[in-house]
Protein backbone atom coordinates (compact mmCIF):
# COMPACT_ATOMS: atom_id res chain seq x y z
CA MET A 1 95.09 147.71 103.87
CA GLU A 2 93.56 144.54 105.27
CA ASN A 3 94.60 141.25 103.70
CA ALA A 4 90.94 140.24 103.57
CA SER A 5 90.33 142.83 100.89
CA ILE A 6 92.90 141.14 98.66
CA ASN A 7 91.27 137.72 99.07
CA ARG A 8 87.80 138.94 98.13
CA ILE A 9 86.95 140.99 95.04
CA VAL A 10 84.59 143.88 95.76
CA ASN A 11 82.66 144.93 92.68
CA LEU A 12 82.11 148.71 92.72
CA ASP A 13 81.38 149.00 89.00
CA TYR A 14 77.62 148.47 89.03
CA ALA A 15 77.07 151.34 86.59
CA ALA A 16 78.68 149.11 83.96
CA SER A 17 76.56 146.06 84.79
CA THR A 18 75.05 144.50 87.88
CA PRO A 19 75.00 140.93 89.18
CA LEU A 20 71.81 139.00 88.54
CA ARG A 21 69.31 139.30 91.35
CA ALA A 22 68.00 136.10 92.93
CA GLU A 23 64.51 136.95 91.71
CA ALA A 24 65.72 137.18 88.10
CA VAL A 25 67.53 133.85 88.40
CA SER A 26 64.45 132.18 89.90
CA ALA A 27 62.17 133.55 87.18
CA GLN A 28 64.40 132.19 84.44
CA LEU A 29 64.81 128.79 86.12
CA ALA A 30 61.04 128.55 86.55
CA TYR A 31 60.64 129.25 82.84
CA ASP A 32 63.19 126.56 81.99
CA SER A 33 61.15 123.90 83.79
CA SER A 34 57.76 125.12 82.56
CA ASP A 35 55.72 123.82 79.66
CA ILE A 36 56.17 127.11 77.77
CA ALA A 37 59.98 126.88 77.71
CA GLY A 38 60.87 127.44 74.06
CA ALA A 39 57.29 128.14 73.02
CA ASN A 40 56.77 130.98 70.58
CA PRO A 41 54.49 133.62 72.17
CA ASN A 42 53.26 134.56 68.71
CA SER A 43 51.84 131.11 67.95
CA LEU A 44 48.07 130.54 68.01
CA HIS A 45 48.08 127.18 69.77
CA SER A 46 47.56 126.76 73.51
CA LEU A 47 51.26 126.82 74.46
CA GLY A 48 51.77 129.90 72.31
CA ARG A 49 48.84 131.64 73.98
CA LYS A 50 50.17 130.71 77.41
CA ALA A 51 53.59 132.10 76.49
CA GLN A 52 51.88 135.23 75.16
CA ALA A 53 50.09 135.67 78.49
CA ALA A 54 53.41 135.47 80.34
CA LEU A 55 54.94 137.98 77.92
CA GLU A 56 52.11 140.47 78.41
CA SER A 57 52.22 140.05 82.19
CA ALA A 58 55.91 140.97 82.10
CA ARG A 59 55.13 143.92 79.84
CA ARG A 60 52.61 145.21 82.39
CA ASP A 61 55.20 144.88 85.16
CA ILE A 62 57.71 146.97 83.21
CA ALA A 63 55.03 149.55 82.38
CA LYS A 64 54.28 150.03 86.09
CA THR A 65 57.89 151.09 86.71
CA PHE A 66 57.47 153.94 84.20
CA GLY A 67 54.58 155.52 86.07
CA PRO A 68 51.10 154.74 87.40
CA ARG A 69 49.24 155.59 84.19
CA VAL A 70 51.51 153.94 81.60
CA ARG A 71 49.86 151.41 79.32
CA ALA A 72 51.46 148.04 78.68
CA SER A 73 51.07 148.73 74.96
CA GLU A 74 53.53 151.61 75.34
CA VAL A 75 56.37 149.18 76.19
CA VAL A 76 58.43 147.72 73.34
CA PHE A 77 60.89 144.97 74.28
CA THR A 78 64.35 145.28 72.73
CA GLY A 79 67.76 143.65 72.92
CA GLY A 80 69.06 146.20 75.44
CA GLY A 81 69.73 149.88 76.05
CA THR A 82 71.92 150.40 73.00
CA GLU A 83 69.25 149.04 70.67
CA SER A 84 66.55 151.08 72.41
CA ASN A 85 68.61 154.23 71.99
CA TYR A 86 69.28 153.51 68.33
CA MET A 87 65.63 152.79 67.62
CA ALA A 88 64.57 156.03 69.28
CA LEU A 89 67.26 158.23 67.75
CA MET A 90 66.81 157.06 64.18
CA GLY A 91 63.17 155.98 64.24
CA LEU A 92 61.72 159.08 65.89
CA SER A 93 63.80 161.43 63.73
CA GLN A 94 62.74 159.76 60.52
CA ALA A 95 59.08 159.61 61.54
CA ALA A 96 59.08 163.31 62.45
CA ARG A 97 60.60 164.25 59.11
CA ALA A 98 58.14 162.03 57.24
CA ARG A 99 55.29 164.03 58.82
CA ASP A 100 56.95 167.41 58.22
CA ALA A 101 59.79 167.66 55.70
CA LYS A 102 61.25 170.78 57.29
CA ARG A 103 62.06 168.89 60.48
CA CYS A 104 65.54 167.82 59.51
CA ARG A 105 67.57 168.74 62.61
CA VAL A 106 68.35 166.69 65.73
CA ILE A 107 69.75 167.97 69.03
CA VAL A 108 71.67 165.78 71.46
CA SER A 109 73.80 166.59 74.48
CA ALA A 110 77.58 166.39 74.61
CA ILE A 111 77.39 164.04 77.61
CA GLU A 112 75.37 161.26 75.98
CA HIS A 113 76.40 157.61 76.03
CA ASP A 114 78.27 156.32 73.00
CA SER A 115 75.13 154.47 71.89
CA ILE A 116 73.78 157.91 70.99
CA LEU A 117 76.94 159.79 70.00
CA ASP A 118 78.36 157.04 67.80
CA ASN A 119 75.21 157.13 65.65
CA LEU A 120 75.30 160.84 64.85
CA GLY A 121 77.17 160.02 61.64
CA GLN A 122 74.26 157.84 60.55
CA LEU A 123 71.85 160.68 61.23
CA ARG A 124 73.94 163.01 59.08
CA ALA A 125 74.19 160.39 56.33
CA ALA A 126 70.39 160.20 56.42
CA GLY A 127 70.20 163.94 55.74
CA PHE A 128 69.80 165.34 59.24
CA THR A 129 71.77 168.22 60.71
CA VAL A 130 72.94 167.50 64.26
CA ASP A 131 73.54 170.10 66.97
CA VAL A 132 75.24 169.24 70.26
CA VAL A 133 74.33 171.12 73.43
CA LYS A 134 76.97 171.34 76.16
CA PRO A 135 76.42 170.99 79.92
CA CYS A 136 77.18 173.55 82.58
CA ARG A 137 80.18 173.02 84.86
CA LYS A 138 78.00 171.04 87.29
CA GLY A 139 77.28 168.47 84.60
CA PHE A 140 73.70 169.13 83.51
CA ILE A 141 72.08 170.68 80.46
CA THR A 142 70.32 173.94 81.29
CA PRO A 143 66.98 174.75 79.63
CA ASP A 144 68.48 178.05 78.42
CA ALA A 145 71.28 176.21 76.60
CA LEU A 146 68.78 173.94 74.86
CA GLU A 147 66.38 176.77 74.00
CA ALA A 148 69.19 178.64 72.25
CA LEU A 149 69.36 175.78 69.70
CA LEU A 150 65.66 175.06 69.26
CA GLY A 151 63.64 175.94 66.18
CA ARG A 152 60.74 174.75 64.06
CA ASP A 153 63.13 172.59 62.04
CA VAL A 154 64.00 170.32 64.98
CA ALA A 155 62.68 166.77 64.68
CA LEU A 156 64.05 165.29 67.91
CA VAL A 157 65.87 166.22 71.09
CA SER A 158 67.64 163.37 72.92
CA ILE A 159 69.10 164.06 76.36
CA MET A 160 69.80 161.37 78.93
CA LEU A 161 67.94 161.15 82.25
CA ALA A 162 71.10 160.79 84.33
CA ASN A 163 74.70 160.67 83.22
CA ASN A 164 76.32 157.26 83.35
CA GLU A 165 79.72 158.66 84.40
CA THR A 166 78.97 161.45 86.87
CA GLY A 167 75.52 160.38 87.98
CA VAL A 168 74.21 163.92 87.53
CA VAL A 169 70.44 163.93 86.90
CA GLN A 170 69.26 166.17 84.09
CA PRO A 171 66.24 168.53 84.35
CA ILE A 172 64.28 166.42 81.87
CA GLU A 173 60.87 167.86 82.68
CA ASP A 174 62.04 171.39 81.76
CA LEU A 175 64.04 170.20 78.75
CA ALA A 176 61.15 168.17 77.33
CA ARG A 177 58.80 171.12 77.78
CA ALA A 178 61.21 173.35 75.85
CA ALA A 179 61.50 170.81 73.02
CA HIS A 180 57.73 170.44 72.76
CA SER A 181 57.28 174.21 72.63
CA CYS A 182 58.72 174.14 69.11
CA GLY A 183 57.00 170.90 68.11
CA ALA A 184 60.00 168.58 68.50
CA LEU A 185 59.86 165.08 69.96
CA PHE A 186 61.85 164.30 73.11
CA HIS A 187 63.69 161.07 73.95
CA THR A 188 65.66 160.31 77.09
CA ASP A 189 68.20 157.57 77.62
CA ALA A 190 67.20 156.36 81.09
CA VAL A 191 69.42 153.28 81.07
CA GLN A 192 71.49 154.53 84.03
CA GLY A 193 68.76 156.33 85.94
CA TRP A 194 65.82 153.91 85.68
CA LEU A 195 64.90 152.37 89.04
CA HIS A 196 67.64 154.35 90.77
CA ILE A 197 65.48 157.46 91.15
CA PRO A 198 61.68 157.84 91.22
CA LEU A 199 60.37 158.18 87.67
CA ASP A 200 57.06 159.01 86.01
CA VAL A 201 57.22 159.41 82.23
CA GLN A 202 54.03 161.44 82.15
CA ARG A 203 55.40 163.94 84.63
CA LEU A 204 58.68 164.07 82.74
CA GLY A 205 56.76 164.69 79.53
CA VAL A 206 58.96 162.50 77.33
CA ASP A 207 57.85 160.82 74.11
CA ALA A 208 60.28 157.91 74.42
CA LEU A 209 62.57 156.46 77.07
CA SER A 210 65.20 153.70 76.95
CA VAL A 211 66.05 151.17 79.68
CA ALA A 212 68.15 148.01 80.06
CA GLY A 213 67.76 144.96 82.27
CA HIS A 214 71.38 144.44 83.29
CA LYS A 215 71.58 147.81 85.08
CA VAL A 216 69.10 146.69 87.74
CA GLY A 217 70.02 143.05 88.30
CA GLY A 218 68.26 141.60 85.28
CA PRO A 219 69.79 139.62 82.42
CA VAL A 220 72.19 141.08 79.89
CA GLY A 221 70.75 141.46 76.38
CA ILE A 222 67.24 142.58 77.22
CA GLY A 223 65.80 146.07 77.44
CA ALA A 224 62.77 148.13 76.58
CA LEU A 225 61.70 151.32 74.88
CA TYR A 226 58.81 153.29 76.34
CA LEU A 227 56.99 154.84 73.39
CA LYS A 228 54.21 157.24 74.29
CA ASN A 229 50.81 156.32 72.90
CA ARG A 230 50.34 157.52 69.30
CA THR A 231 53.99 158.57 68.98
CA GLN A 232 55.16 157.54 65.53
CA LEU A 233 58.44 155.69 65.13
CA ALA A 234 59.82 154.50 61.79
CA PRO A 235 60.76 150.79 62.09
CA LEU A 236 64.47 150.24 61.53
CA PHE A 237 64.19 146.47 61.11
CA HIS A 238 61.76 144.38 59.10
CA GLY A 239 60.88 140.72 59.04
CA GLY A 240 57.95 140.20 61.36
CA GLY A 241 55.12 141.87 63.20
CA GLN A 242 56.33 141.34 66.74
CA GLU A 243 56.35 144.27 69.17
CA ARG A 244 53.78 146.18 67.12
CA GLY A 245 56.00 145.74 64.06
CA LEU A 246 58.63 148.03 65.61
CA ARG A 247 61.08 145.32 66.68
CA PRO A 248 60.63 142.13 64.65
CA GLY A 249 61.90 138.78 65.82
CA THR A 250 60.63 136.19 68.28
CA GLN A 251 60.80 137.65 71.77
CA ASP A 252 63.28 136.17 74.26
CA LEU A 253 60.65 135.30 76.84
CA ARG A 254 63.15 133.77 79.27
CA ALA A 255 65.17 136.99 79.45
CA ILE A 256 62.02 139.12 79.55
CA LEU A 257 60.72 137.22 82.58
CA GLY A 258 64.04 137.70 84.37
CA PHE A 259 64.01 141.38 83.39
CA ALA A 260 60.51 141.87 84.79
CA ALA A 261 61.33 140.00 88.02
CA ALA A 262 64.34 142.24 88.68
CA ALA A 263 62.32 145.35 87.87
CA ARG A 264 59.50 144.37 90.25
CA THR A 265 61.99 143.74 93.04
CA VAL A 266 63.84 147.03 92.68
CA HIS A 267 60.69 149.08 92.12
CA ALA A 268 59.15 147.77 95.35
CA SER A 269 61.96 149.18 97.51
CA LEU A 270 63.01 152.15 95.39
CA GLU A 271 62.28 154.94 97.88
CA ARG A 272 63.95 153.14 100.78
CA ASP A 273 67.02 152.19 98.74
CA HIS A 274 67.32 155.68 97.25
CA ALA A 275 67.59 157.22 100.73
CA LEU A 276 70.05 154.57 101.91
CA LEU A 277 72.35 154.87 98.89
CA LEU A 278 72.24 158.65 98.93
CA GLU A 279 73.55 158.62 102.49
CA LEU A 280 76.28 156.11 101.63
CA SER A 281 77.42 158.14 98.63
CA ARG A 282 77.43 161.34 100.69
CA ALA A 283 79.63 159.66 103.27
CA LEU A 284 82.01 158.36 100.58
CA TYR A 285 82.30 161.77 98.90
CA GLY A 286 82.96 163.30 102.30
CA ARG A 287 85.68 160.86 103.21
CA LEU A 288 87.45 161.10 99.85
CA ALA A 289 87.38 164.90 100.10
CA SER A 290 89.80 164.62 103.02
CA SER A 291 92.53 164.24 100.38
CA ALA A 292 93.60 167.47 98.68
CA ARG A 293 94.18 165.42 95.50
CA ILE A 294 90.69 163.92 95.16
CA HIS A 295 87.87 166.05 93.74
CA ALA A 296 84.21 165.44 92.91
CA THR A 297 83.77 165.92 89.18
CA MET A 298 80.65 168.09 89.52
CA GLY A 299 82.12 170.35 92.21
CA ASP A 300 79.96 170.19 95.32
CA PRO A 301 78.01 166.89 95.20
CA ALA A 302 75.40 168.35 97.53
CA ALA A 303 74.63 171.15 95.06
CA VAL A 304 73.37 168.92 92.23
CA ASP A 305 70.65 166.33 91.75
CA ARG A 306 72.44 163.02 91.23
CA LEU A 307 72.02 159.28 91.25
CA PRO A 308 72.69 157.95 94.74
CA GLY A 309 74.78 154.96 93.66
CA ILE A 310 77.46 156.72 91.62
CA VAL A 311 80.45 158.55 93.08
CA SER A 312 82.48 160.38 90.43
CA VAL A 313 85.89 161.84 91.23
CA TYR A 314 89.23 162.67 89.66
CA VAL A 315 92.63 162.39 91.30
CA ASP A 316 95.31 164.98 90.63
CA GLY A 317 98.55 163.64 89.19
CA ILE A 318 97.52 159.98 88.75
CA GLU A 319 95.88 158.65 85.58
CA SER A 320 92.82 156.42 85.65
CA GLU A 321 94.61 153.34 84.34
CA GLU A 322 97.13 153.39 87.20
CA LEU A 323 94.38 154.00 89.75
CA ILE A 324 92.21 151.18 88.42
CA LEU A 325 95.08 148.67 88.37
CA LYS A 326 96.23 149.56 91.89
CA LEU A 327 92.70 149.34 93.22
CA ASP A 328 92.26 146.03 91.39
CA VAL A 329 95.30 144.63 93.19
CA ALA A 330 93.77 145.84 96.44
CA GLY A 331 90.57 143.93 95.61
CA PHE A 332 88.30 146.72 94.35
CA GLU A 333 86.80 146.88 90.87
CA VAL A 334 85.98 150.39 89.59
CA SER A 335 86.10 152.10 86.21
CA ALA A 336 87.24 155.34 84.68
CA ALA A 337 84.12 156.15 82.70
CA SER A 338 81.59 154.27 80.61
CA ALA A 339 82.49 150.59 80.30
CA CYS A 340 81.74 150.88 76.57
CA SER A 341 84.55 153.39 76.03
CA SER A 342 87.00 152.93 78.91
CA GLY A 343 89.26 150.63 76.89
CA SER A 344 90.73 153.67 75.16
CA MET A 345 91.73 155.23 78.51
CA ASP A 346 91.48 158.66 76.92
CA ALA A 347 89.99 161.60 78.78
CA SER A 348 86.25 161.26 79.30
CA HIS A 349 84.19 163.18 76.75
CA VAL A 350 81.69 163.86 79.54
CA LEU A 351 84.21 165.49 81.86
CA THR A 352 85.89 167.52 79.14
CA ALA A 353 82.47 168.75 77.97
CA MET A 354 81.88 169.92 81.55
CA GLY A 355 84.99 172.06 81.32
CA ILE A 356 87.35 169.87 83.34
CA PRO A 357 90.88 170.19 81.87
CA ARG A 358 92.05 167.09 80.01
CA GLU A 359 95.00 166.47 82.36
CA ARG A 360 92.60 166.30 85.30
CA ALA A 361 89.92 164.31 83.44
CA LEU A 362 92.57 161.67 82.72
CA GLY A 363 92.53 160.86 86.44
CA SER A 364 88.80 160.13 86.69
CA LEU A 365 87.20 157.28 88.60
CA ARG A 366 83.60 156.08 88.77
CA ILE A 367 82.61 154.14 91.88
CA SER A 368 79.13 152.63 91.58
CA PHE A 369 76.95 150.31 93.64
CA ASP A 370 73.34 149.48 94.45
CA ASP A 371 71.31 148.36 97.47
CA ARG A 372 73.39 145.18 97.79
CA VAL A 373 76.58 147.03 98.72
CA ASP A 374 78.23 146.38 102.09
CA PRO A 375 78.95 149.76 103.73
CA ALA A 376 82.09 148.25 105.25
CA ASP A 377 83.40 147.63 101.73
CA LEU A 378 82.89 151.29 100.84
CA ASP A 379 84.81 152.26 103.95
CA ARG A 380 87.69 149.95 103.08
CA PHE A 381 87.66 151.19 99.49
CA ALA A 382 87.96 154.79 100.69
CA GLY A 383 90.96 153.83 102.78
CA ALA A 384 92.61 152.13 99.79
CA LEU A 385 92.08 155.09 97.44
CA LEU A 386 93.24 157.62 100.04
CA LYS A 387 96.40 155.58 100.52
CA ILE A 388 97.05 155.45 96.77
CA ALA A 389 96.40 159.19 96.37
CA GLY A 390 98.88 159.89 99.17
């Protein structure tokens, strides 16, 4: 292990949150020194109208990242991915039931983020029945598994675009088609997958989609919900008419401008970066596989569609906490699972749902990065983990 790696911290936990991009910083600093800094974009005076113009320009930029035919009016700004998920889960379910009283069932996957799973109790308290569909051993939900649970009483199906722990991309187009065949709405949590893989909401066929700024180099605390035109959503908050009355409160224009700047930057180089990161992750999986103790969580990484910037493994005989602390000492920051749940250091609910035994899932690691990664750092990280695994 080189001493240089101890003197410099290498962040390989980008799936938790990413550093601000220079473009996002510049956009926010430009706002700070502008005449609309602090202006309310809902005011009728000239500064308010100017702020409103900047807000709508940012909204159009975000809409473009969802597909070439997405309208700006289909973008609702929120306080982040968790809020977007909550709005979609509760708001779409309640709106569907209001239209048709028999639609009182919701289906989610067993591999969802906690921002979905932790709200299932609220759905049940609101009178909904919740069914949970499990993934196959490779980590994705099969259309057959979903179809076995569907019926005319389903209000909403919510299945994430790509898993935040394993990086496995779900067959959303097929899953959304199945949900629509019985009249249910379909939402996807795209917080981890957005701007890491090509995406077109119209091709996917989803009714709603959640994203967050801090996963792509934008500010923390800002996100958006794509809501397909004419899709009804019951407002969960009241107190103002902002964001079409769906998310009241004065918009954080500074954060929104930083969010849009990061999104424009990443979207412009998405295809190039996707190919680059896919090759880097392939190489990392290949090198780690040289240890008989290190295993890819989804089996053969080449046999599944996955995000290029997430490498998901487990190490036989060593628990995640020990691995993370040893790698931290060596200068590498990684995580065991979702940053929102890793404090418990229990076995990942995602990996156990995939059929990985608990004793093996307890040794999981998630290594994640984006286009700003130094390939030499990945090489040094592999050497450190191989040494720890023995």
